[in-house]
C-alpha atoms as a PDB file:
ATOM      1  CA  MET A   1    -112.087  78.229-118.490  1.00  0.00           C
ATOM      2  CA  LYS A   2    -108.905  80.087-119.331  1.00  0.00           C
ATOM      3  CA  LYS A   3    -108.598  81.101-122.947  1.00  0.00           C
ATOM      4  CA  TYR A   4    -105.260  81.200-124.775  1.00  0.00           C
ATOM      5  CA  ASP A   5    -104.666  83.435-128.002  1.00  0.00           C
ATOM      6  CA  TYR A   6    -102.734  81.147-130.185  1.00  0.00           C
ATOM      7  CA  TYR A   7    -102.295  83.762-132.714  1.00  0.00           C
ATOM      8  CA  ARG A   8    -100.508  86.380-130.620  1.00  0.00           C
ATOM      9  CA  PRO A   9     -96.793  86.345-131.097  1.00  0.00           C
ATOM     10  CA  SER A  10     -94.607  85.695-127.842  1.00  0.00           C
ATOM     11  CA  ALA A  11     -92.059  88.070-126.705  1.00  0.00           C
ATOM     12  CA  SER A  12     -89.400  85.687-127.475  1.00  0.00           C
ATOM     13  CA  SER A  13     -90.564  85.615-131.136  1.00  0.00           C
ATOM     14  CA  LEU A  14     -90.636  89.244-131.289  1.00  0.00           C
ATOM     15  CA  GLY A  15     -87.110  89.594-130.001  1.00  0.00           C
ATOM     16  CA  ARG A  16     -85.886  86.991-132.650  1.00  0.00           C
ATOM     17  CA  LYS A  17     -87.563  89.174-135.352  1.00  0.00           C
ATOM     18  CA  LYS A  18     -85.867  92.467-134.174  1.00  0.00           C
ATOM     19  CA  LYS A  19     -82.704  90.842-134.243  1.00  0.00           C
ATOM     20  CA  TYR A  20     -83.127  89.493-137.583  1.00  0.00           C
ATOM     21  CA  ARG A  21     -83.927  92.929-138.806  1.00  0.00           C
ATOM     22  CA  ARG A  22     -80.975  94.331-137.402  1.00  0.00           C
ATOM     23  CA  THR A  23     -78.622  91.629-138.822  1.00  0.00           C
ATOM     24  CA  SER A  24     -80.311  92.204-142.269  1.00  0.00           C
ATOM     25  CA  SER A  25     -79.260  96.100-142.272  1.00  0.00           C
ATOM     26  CA  VAL A  26     -75.839  95.238-141.218  1.00  0.00           C
ATOM     27  CA  SER A  27     -75.547  92.606-144.103  1.00  0.00           C
ATOM     28  CA  PHE A  28     -76.792  95.221-146.386  1.00  0.00           C
ATOM     29  CA  PHE A  29     -74.111  97.675-145.637  1.00  0.00           C
ATOM     30  CA  LYS A  30     -71.204  95.347-145.799  1.00  0.00           C
ATOM     31  CA  PRO A  31     -71.286  94.703-149.397  1.00  0.00           C
ATOM     32  CA  LEU A  32     -71.442  98.557-149.903  1.00  0.00           C
ATOM     33  CA  VAL A  33     -68.392  99.373-147.855  1.00  0.00           C
ATOM     34  CA  PHE A  34     -66.387  96.670-149.488  1.00  0.00           C
ATOM     35  CA  PHE A  35     -67.570  97.931-152.956  1.00  0.00           C
ATOM     36  CA  LEU A  36     -66.497 101.486-151.931  1.00  0.00           C
ATOM     37  CA  ILE A  37     -63.013 100.284-150.718  1.00  0.00           C
ATOM     38  CA  PHE A  38     -62.623  98.159-153.954  1.00  0.00           C
ATOM     39  CA  ALA A  39     -63.503 101.108-155.973  1.00  0.00           C
ATOM     40  CA  ILE A  40     -60.826 103.208-154.310  1.00  0.00           C
ATOM     41  CA  LEU A  41     -58.313 100.823-154.630  1.00  0.00           C
ATOM     42  CA  CYS A  42     -58.812 100.264-158.298  1.00  0.00           C
ATOM     43  CA  PHE A  43     -58.856 103.981-158.751  1.00  0.00           C
ATOM     44  CA  ALA A  44     -55.442 104.450-156.966  1.00  0.00           C
ATOM     45  CA  ALA A  45     -54.025 101.514-158.893  1.00  0.00           C
ATOM     46  CA  TYR A  46     -55.242 102.906-162.232  1.00  0.00           C
ATOM     47  CA  ALA A  47     -53.598 106.330-161.255  1.00  0.00           C
ATOM     48  CA  GLY A  48     -50.503 104.711-160.351  1.00  0.00           C
ATOM     49  CA  VAL A  49     -50.051 102.519-163.539  1.00  0.00           C
ATOM     50  CA  SER A  50     -51.059 105.402-165.826  1.00  0.00           C
ATOM     51  CA  LYS A  51     -48.335 107.685-164.075  1.00  0.00           C
ATOM     52  CA  ALA A  52     -45.851 104.668-164.287  1.00  0.00           C
ATOM     53  CA  TYR A  53     -46.635 103.973-167.827  1.00  0.00           C
ATOM     54  CA  LYS A  54     -46.236 107.705-168.893  1.00  0.00           C
ATOM     55  CA  ALA A  55     -42.940 107.877-166.974  1.00  0.00           C
ATOM     56  CA  PHE A  56     -41.798 104.508-168.639  1.00  0.00           C
ATOM     57  CA  SER A  57     -42.892 105.705-172.081  1.00  0.00           C
ATOM     58  CA  ALA A  58     -41.145 109.097-171.457  1.00  0.00           C
ATOM     59  CA  SER A  59     -37.808 107.071-170.611  1.00  0.00           C
ATOM     60  CA  ARG A  60     -38.050 104.885-173.474  1.00  0.00           C
ATOM     61  CA  LEU A  61     -38.335 107.642-175.837  1.00  0.00           C
ATOM     62  CA  GLY A  62     -35.573 109.628-174.232  1.00  0.00           C
ATOM     63  CA  THR A  63     -38.033 112.546-173.155  1.00  0.00           C
ATOM     64  CA  TRP A  64     -37.796 112.087-169.375  1.00  0.00           C
ATOM     65  CA  GLN A  65     -36.742 115.390-167.519  1.00  0.00           C
ATOM     66  CA  ALA A  66     -35.880 115.810-163.881  1.00  0.00           C
ATOM     67  CA  ASP A  67     -37.520 118.584-162.055  1.00  0.00           C
ATOM     68  CA  GLY A  68     -35.279 118.235-159.014  1.00  0.00           C
ATOM     69  CA  ALA A  69     -31.784 116.717-158.017  1.00  0.00           C
ATOM     70  CA  THR A  70     -30.622 114.937-154.825  1.00  0.00           C
ATOM     71  CA  VAL A  71     -27.024 114.247-153.875  1.00  0.00           C
ATOM     72  CA  SER A  72     -26.331 111.640-150.983  1.00  0.00           C
ATOM     73  CA  GLY A  73     -22.926 110.348-149.587  1.00  0.00           C
ATOM     74  CA  ALA A  74     -20.947 113.653-149.632  1.00  0.00           C
ATOM     75  CA  ASP A  75     -20.497 116.676-147.617  1.00  0.00           C
ATOM     76  CA  GLY A  76     -18.702 119.883-147.542  1.00  0.00           C
ATOM     77  CA  GLU A  77     -17.288 121.476-151.015  1.00  0.00           C
ATOM     78  CA  LEU A  78     -17.590 118.051-152.579  1.00  0.00           C
ATOM     79  CA  ALA A  79     -21.148 117.773-152.105  1.00  0.00           C
ATOM     80  CA  LYS A  80     -21.628 121.398-153.520  1.00  0.00           C
ATOM     81  CA  GLU A  81     -19.831 120.494-156.534  1.00  0.00           C
ATOM     82  CA  LEU A  82     -21.957 117.344-156.944  1.00  0.00           C
ATOM     83  CA  GLN A  83     -25.153 119.397-156.399  1.00  0.00           C
ATOM     84  CA  ALA A  84     -24.205 121.955-158.922  1.00  0.00           C
ATOM     85  CA  ALA A  85     -23.279 119.280-161.699  1.00  0.00           C
ATOM     86  CA  ALA A  86     -26.717 117.451-161.053  1.00  0.00           C
ATOM     87  CA  ASN A  87     -28.650 120.926-161.383  1.00  0.00           C
ATOM     88  CA  LYS A  88     -27.159 121.489-164.773  1.00  0.00           C
ATOM     89  CA  LYS A  89     -29.156 118.436-165.975  1.00  0.00           C
ATOM     90  CA  LEU A  90     -32.602 119.694-164.970  1.00  0.00           C
ATOM     91  CA  GLY A  91     -35.245 120.552-167.474  1.00  0.00           C
ATOM     92  CA  GLN A  92     -33.229 118.638-170.119  1.00  0.00           C
ATOM     93  CA  ASN A  93     -34.110 115.362-171.844  1.00  0.00           C
ATOM     94  CA  PHE A  94     -32.186 112.804-169.900  1.00  0.00           C
ATOM     95  CA  SER A  95     -32.196 109.195-171.173  1.00  0.00           C
ATOM     96  CA  VAL A  96     -30.588 106.027-169.745  1.00  0.00           C
ATOM     97  CA  SER A  97     -27.448 106.706-171.871  1.00  0.00           C
ATOM     98  CA  ASP A  98     -27.321 110.181-170.343  1.00  0.00           C
ATOM     99  CA  ALA A  99     -27.290 108.769-166.900  1.00  0.00           C
ATOM    100  CA  VAL A 100     -24.602 106.173-167.740  1.00  0.00           C
ATOM    101  CA  ASP A 101     -22.549 108.901-169.483  1.00  0.00           C
ATOM    102  CA  PHE A 102     -23.033 111.339-166.504  1.00  0.00           C
ATOM    103  CA  GLN A 103     -22.092 108.623-163.991  1.00  0.00           C
ATOM    104  CA  ALA A 104     -18.875 108.020-165.862  1.00  0.00           C
ATOM    105  CA  GLN A 105     -17.918 111.805-165.946  1.00  0.00           C
ATOM    106  CA  LEU A 106     -18.304 111.957-162.214  1.00  0.00           C
ATOM    107  CA  ALA A 107     -16.140 108.781-161.650  1.00  0.00           C
ATOM    108  CA  LYS A 108     -13.478 110.214-163.801  1.00  0.00           C
ATOM    109  CA  LYS A 109     -13.549 113.983-162.353  1.00  0.00           C
ATOM    110  CA  TYR A 110     -13.534 112.710-158.804  1.00  0.00           C
ATOM    111  CA  PRO A 111     -11.227 109.782-158.153  1.00  0.00           C
ATOM    112  CA  GLN A 112     -11.475 110.016-154.398  1.00  0.00           C
ATOM    113  CA  LEU A 113     -15.085 108.552-154.928  1.00  0.00           C
ATOM    114  CA  ARG A 114     -15.222 104.766-154.856  1.00  0.00           C
ATOM    115  CA  ASP A 115     -18.915 104.212-155.981  1.00  0.00           C
ATOM    116  CA  VAL A 116     -20.909 106.594-158.094  1.00  0.00           C
ATOM    117  CA  SER A 117     -24.573 106.016-158.993  1.00  0.00           C
ATOM    118  CA  VAL A 118     -26.726 108.096-160.875  1.00  0.00           C
ATOM    119  CA  LYS A 119     -30.425 107.178-161.146  1.00  0.00           C
ATOM    120  CA  ARG A 120     -33.604 108.592-162.692  1.00  0.00           C
ATOM    121  CA  GLY A 121     -36.664 108.730-160.211  1.00  0.00           C
ATOM    122  CA  LEU A 122     -39.200 107.874-163.097  1.00  0.00           C
ATOM    123  CA  LEU A 123     -42.194 108.426-160.519  1.00  0.00           C
ATOM    124  CA  SER A 124     -40.663 111.024-158.401  1.00  0.00           C
ATOM    125  CA  GLY A 125     -39.070 112.959-161.094  1.00  0.00           C
ATOM    126  CA  LYS A 126     -35.917 113.281-159.235  1.00  0.00           C
ATOM    127  CA  LEU A 127     -32.248 112.976-160.394  1.00  0.00           C
ATOM    128  CA  LYS A 128     -30.617 110.877-157.710  1.00  0.00           C
ATOM    129  CA  VAL A 129     -26.703 110.983-157.252  1.00  0.00           C
ATOM    130  CA  SER A 130     -25.250 108.769-154.743  1.00  0.00           C
ATOM    131  CA  VAL A 131     -21.632 108.333-153.941  1.00  0.00           C
ATOM    132  CA  LYS A 132     -19.135 106.833-151.449  1.00  0.00           C
ATOM    133  CA  ARG A 133     -15.591 108.245-150.691  1.00  0.00           C
ATOM    134  CA  ARG A 134     -12.661 106.045-150.571  1.00  0.00           C
ATOM    135  CA  GLU A 135     -11.057 105.446-147.143  1.00  0.00           C
ATOM    136  CA  PRO A 136      -7.284 106.030-147.355  1.00  0.00           C
ATOM    137  CA  ILE A 137      -4.896 103.962-145.371  1.00  0.00           C
ATOM    138  CA  ALA A 138      -1.938 106.122-146.073  1.00  0.00           C
ATOM    139  CA  LYS A 139      -1.017 109.554-147.378  1.00  0.00           C
ATOM    140  CA  PHE A 140       1.975 109.771-149.892  1.00  0.00           C
ATOM    141  CA  LEU A 141       4.134 112.688-150.567  1.00  0.00           C
ATOM    142  CA  LEU A 142       5.540 111.987-154.062  1.00  0.00           C
ATOM    143  CA  PRO A 143       8.947 113.016-155.079  1.00  0.00           C
ATOM    144  CA  GLY A 144       7.661 116.042-156.972  1.00  0.00           C
ATOM    145  CA  GLY A 145       5.919 117.351-154.028  1.00  0.00           C
ATOM    146  CA  ALA A 146       2.338 116.056-154.909  1.00  0.00           C
ATOM    147  CA  VAL A 147       0.141 114.383-152.316  1.00  0.00           C
ATOM    148  CA  ARG A 148      -1.624 111.254-153.075  1.00  0.00           C
ATOM    149  CA  PHE A 149      -3.725 108.737-151.047  1.00  0.00           C
ATOM    150  CA  VAL A 150      -3.872 105.005-151.290  1.00  0.00           C
ATOM    151  CA  ASP A 151      -6.905 102.849-150.318  1.00  0.00           C
ATOM    152  CA  GLU A 152      -7.371  99.181-149.303  1.00  0.00           C
ATOM    153  CA  ASP A 153      -8.186  98.491-153.027  1.00  0.00           C
ATOM    154  CA  SER A 154      -4.657  99.553-154.021  1.00  0.00           C
ATOM    155  CA  THR A 155      -5.932 102.527-155.797  1.00  0.00           C
ATOM    156  CA  VAL A 156      -3.675 105.629-155.897  1.00  0.00           C
ATOM    157  CA  TYR A 157      -5.821 108.931-156.090  1.00  0.00           C
ATOM    158  CA  ALA A 158      -5.824 112.512-155.431  1.00  0.00           C
ATOM    159  CA  ASP A 159      -8.163 114.363-153.060  1.00  0.00           C
ATOM    160  CA  PRO A 160      -7.967 118.149-153.117  1.00  0.00           C
ATOM    161  CA  ASN A 161     -10.754 118.171-150.258  1.00  0.00           C
ATOM    162  CA  PRO A 162      -9.919 115.500-147.820  1.00  0.00           C
ATOM    163  CA  ASP A 163     -11.887 114.816-144.733  1.00  0.00           C
ATOM    164  CA  PRO A 164     -10.189 117.134-142.003  1.00  0.00           C
ATOM    165  CA  LEU A 165     -11.431 114.904-139.334  1.00  0.00           C
ATOM    166  CA  LEU A 166      -9.845 111.690-140.793  1.00  0.00           C
ATOM    167  CA  SER A 167      -6.447 110.949-139.397  1.00  0.00           C
ATOM    168  CA  VAL A 168      -4.197 109.415-142.195  1.00  0.00           C
ATOM    169  CA  PRO A 169      -0.510 108.248-141.545  1.00  0.00           C
ATOM    170  CA  PHE A 170       1.784 109.970-143.439  1.00  0.00           C
ATOM    171  CA  VAL A 171       4.226 107.972-145.767  1.00  0.00           C
ATOM    172  CA  GLU A 172       6.927 109.725-147.786  1.00  0.00           C
ATOM    173  CA  LEU A 173       7.935 107.800-150.893  1.00  0.00           C
ATOM    174  CA  GLN A 174      11.399 107.840-152.549  1.00  0.00           C
ATOM    175  CA  GLY A 175      12.574 106.204-155.646  1.00  0.00           C
ATOM    176  CA  THR A 176      10.227 105.289-158.337  1.00  0.00           C
ATOM    177  CA  VAL A 177       6.792 105.350-157.612  1.00  0.00           C
ATOM    178  CA  PRO A 178       4.631 102.940-159.632  1.00  0.00           C
ATOM    179  CA  ASP A 179       1.426 104.229-161.171  1.00  0.00           C
ATOM    180  CA  ASN A 180      -0.609 101.204-160.095  1.00  0.00           C
ATOM    181  CA  LEU A 181       0.134  99.706-156.826  1.00  0.00           C
ATOM    182  CA  GLY A 182       0.078  95.988-156.299  1.00  0.00           C
ATOM    183  CA  THR A 183      -1.442  93.918-153.518  1.00  0.00           C
ATOM    184  CA  GLU A 184       2.048  93.232-151.872  1.00  0.00           C
ATOM    185  CA  PHE A 185       2.795  97.074-151.960  1.00  0.00           C
ATOM    186  CA  VAL A 186      -0.334  97.832-150.126  1.00  0.00           C
ATOM    187  CA  ASP A 187       0.340  95.094-147.563  1.00  0.00           C
ATOM    188  CA  LEU A 188       3.621  96.632-146.900  1.00  0.00           C
ATOM    189  CA  ILE A 189       2.068 100.050-146.423  1.00  0.00           C
ATOM    190  CA  GLN A 190      -0.450  98.498-144.025  1.00  0.00           C
ATOM    191  CA  SER A 191       2.274  96.791-142.060  1.00  0.00           C
ATOM    192  CA  ALA A 192       4.174  99.989-141.785  1.00  0.00           C
ATOM    193  CA  VAL A 193       1.001 102.175-140.669  1.00  0.00           C
ATOM    194  CA  LYS A 194       0.657  99.515-137.937  1.00  0.00           C
ATOM    195  CA  LEU A 195       3.781 100.584-136.534  1.00  0.00           C
ATOM    196  CA  LYS A 196       1.994 103.438-135.098  1.00  0.00           C
ATOM    197  CA  LYS A 197       0.606 101.031-132.440  1.00  0.00           C
ATOM    198  CA  HIS A 198       3.995 100.620-130.961  1.00  0.00           C
ATOM    199  CA  LEU A 199       5.843 103.945-131.858  1.00  0.00           C
ATOM    200  CA  ASP A 200       4.185 107.491-132.128  1.00  0.00           C
ATOM    201  CA  PHE A 201       6.205 108.591-135.318  1.00  0.00           C
ATOM    202  CA  ALA A 202       5.997 111.793-137.101  1.00  0.00           C
ATOM    203  CA  PHE A 203       6.298 110.263-140.544  1.00  0.00           C
ATOM    204  CA  LEU A 204       7.552 107.288-142.317  1.00  0.00           C
ATOM    205  CA  ARG A 205       9.925 107.181-145.301  1.00  0.00           C
ATOM    206  CA  PHE A 206       9.833 104.303-147.886  1.00  0.00           C
ATOM    207  CA  ASN A 207      12.183 103.884-150.620  1.00  0.00           C
ATOM    208  CA  THR A 208      10.473 101.987-153.271  1.00  0.00           C
ATOM    209  CA  ASP A 209      13.812 101.198-155.167  1.00  0.00           C
ATOM    210  CA  LYS A 210      15.867  99.708-152.238  1.00  0.00           C
ATOM    211  CA  ASN A 211      12.853  98.465-150.480  1.00  0.00           C
ATOM    212  CA  THR A 212      13.842 100.057-147.235  1.00  0.00           C
ATOM    213  CA  VAL A 213      11.981 101.858-144.465  1.00  0.00           C
ATOM    214  CA  ARG A 214      13.005 104.663-142.210  1.00  0.00           C
ATOM    215  CA  LEU A 215      10.842 105.955-139.280  1.00  0.00           C
ATOM    216  CA  TYR A 216      11.285 109.389-137.713  1.00  0.00           C
ATOM    217  CA  LEU A 217      10.008 110.059-134.195  1.00  0.00           C
ATOM    218  CA  PRO A 218       8.915 113.535-132.824  1.00  0.00           C
ATOM    219  CA  ASN A 219      12.175 113.974-130.931  1.00  0.00           C
ATOM    220  CA  ASP A 220      14.370 113.754-134.131  1.00  0.00           C
ATOM    221  CA  THR A 221      15.199 109.999-133.327  1.00  0.00           C
ATOM    222  CA  VAL A 222      15.467 108.080-136.615  1.00  0.00           C
ATOM    223  CA  ILE A 223      14.980 104.445-136.814  1.00  0.00           C
ATOM    224  CA  LEU A 224      16.391 102.463-139.791  1.00  0.00           C
ATOM    225  CA  PHE A 225      14.490  99.291-140.223  1.00  0.00           C
ATOM    226  CA  GLY A 226      16.441  98.283-143.214  1.00  0.00           C
ATOM    227  CA  LYS A 227      14.807  96.047-145.437  1.00  0.00           C
ATOM    228  CA  ALA A 228      10.880  96.130-145.341  1.00  0.00           C
ATOM    229  CA  GLN A 229      10.681  92.789-143.548  1.00  0.00           C
ATOM    230  CA  ASN A 230       9.570  91.720-140.021  1.00  0.00           C
ATOM    231  CA  LEU A 231       8.494  95.313-139.516  1.00  0.00           C
ATOM    232  CA  ARG A 232       6.165  94.272-136.560  1.00  0.00           C
ATOM    233  CA  ALA A 233       8.961  92.564-134.738  1.00  0.00           C
ATOM    234  CA  LYS A 234      11.417  95.437-135.361  1.00  0.00           C
ATOM    235  CA  ALA A 235       8.826  97.916-134.048  1.00  0.00           C
ATOM    236  CA  ARG A 236       8.419  96.083-130.889  1.00  0.00           C
ATOM    237  CA  ARG A 237      12.266  96.070-130.269  1.00  0.00           C
ATOM    238  CA  ALA A 238      12.392  99.657-131.105  1.00  0.00           C
ATOM    239  CA  ALA A 239       9.453 100.483-128.556  1.00  0.00           C
ATOM    240  CA  GLN A 240      11.314  98.723-125.869  1.00  0.00           C
ATOM    241  CA  ILE A 241      14.550 100.459-126.292  1.00  0.00           C
ATOM    242  CA  GLU A 242      12.723 103.782-126.523  1.00  0.00           C
ATOM    243  CA  ALA A 243      11.018 102.942-123.330  1.00  0.00           C
ATOM    244  CA  VAL A 244      14.544 102.199-121.685  1.00  0.00           C
ATOM    245  CA  PHE A 245      15.595 105.642-122.918  1.00  0.00           C
ATOM    246  CA  ALA A 246      12.566 107.353-121.342  1.00  0.00           C
ATOM    247  CA  GLN A 247      12.852 105.697-117.973  1.00  0.00           C
ATOM    248  CA  ARG A 248      16.236 106.558-117.582  1.00  0.00           C
ATOM    249  CA  GLY A 249      16.474 109.948-119.056  1.00  0.00           C
ATOM    250  CA  LEU A 250      18.922 109.314-121.394  1.00  0.00           C
ATOM    251  CA  PRO A 251      19.712 111.951-123.928  1.00  0.00           C
ATOM    252  CA  VAL A 252      18.207 112.252-127.418  1.00  0.00           C
ATOM    253  CA  PRO A 253      18.078 112.343-130.351  1.00  0.00           C
ATOM    254  CA  HIS A 254      19.551 108.939-131.191  1.00  0.00           C
ATOM    255  CA  GLU A 255      19.469 106.620-134.248  1.00  0.00           C
ATOM    256  CA  LEU A 256      18.642 102.716-134.159  1.00  0.00           C
ATOM    257  CA  ASP A 257      19.778 100.529-137.120  1.00  0.00           C
ATOM    258  CA  PHE A 258      18.086  97.338-137.748  1.00  0.00           C
ATOM    259  CA  THR A 259      20.107  96.410-140.546  1.00  0.00           C
ATOM    260  CA  TYR A 260      21.559  93.160-138.843  1.00  0.00           C
ATOM    261  CA  PHE A 261      18.251  92.487-136.902  1.00  0.00           C
ATOM    262  CA  ASP A 262      18.093  88.881-138.175  1.00  0.00           C
ATOM    263  CA  ASP A 263      21.375  88.175-136.412  1.00  0.00           C
ATOM    264  CA  GLY A 264      19.882  89.402-133.234  1.00  0.00           C
ATOM    265  CA  LYS A 265      21.846  92.728-133.307  1.00  0.00           C
ATOM    266  CA  VAL A 266      20.435  96.425-132.994  1.00  0.00           C
ATOM    267  CA  PHE A 267      22.934  99.284-133.332  1.00  0.00           C
ATOM    268  CA  LEU A 268      22.450 102.482-131.233  1.00  0.00           C
ATOM    269  CA  ARG A 269      24.165 105.672-132.436  1.00  0.00           C
ATOM    270  CA  GLN A 270      24.041 109.007-130.529  1.00  0.00           C
ATOM    271  CA  THR A 271      23.393 111.928-132.866  1.00  0.00           C
ATOM    272  CA  GLY A 272      22.979 115.700-132.552  1.00  0.00           C
ATOM    273  CA  TYR A 273      26.313 116.221-130.771  1.00  0.00           C
END
């Protein structure tokens, strides 16, 4: 008769026990890993909060000092000047009011800048100066010989170091030049500048007292637009007349007078003879 050992564990039960032991060791290490990660995160958070608190306390007390300065938004000589101005603030107590005052000083000294921002990097320890240059729509030659620019916001400003790669239409002003240009004046200048699409002019002369516009072509031809009205229509007609001159090889220079353009008349005068 075959005997069975009922107390001997089967192979399947041994496998279950081994698997159970392996799972138990993994379960033991998981909390340990999570604890270590949690401890590292807590330490990093504490260090960051401590540093931020010290920086915030220093800023509130006015004892914050920059150990470096950065300038963005400018290049060339302007960037060098801004960097030199920012470097003078290093190693000094620099409060919030100091940053506001420094920002106002830069905006006043450099009218060619539209946006000036001065920020203190409380955590990085850097003094950050960011600027944005105005984009001129025209360059003016004032009666006294000074050069001024005007942007889309009707702001007239000087720029001792303009961008050499930026092509700005040239407009010569005659008469009384206002200190603050209104929106209508800027719209007029923009309309005049758009004449470049139809006529490649050398420069444009605008009389602010008489509100008249004259346009000078590179071949010494003068176009008298008269009153600064319907400039686009006048420019298209002038371009058609100039095209006929070029096709037929007619002599130049000459003068086109649009004084009576509203009546459908354009007078042609031969000059230079």
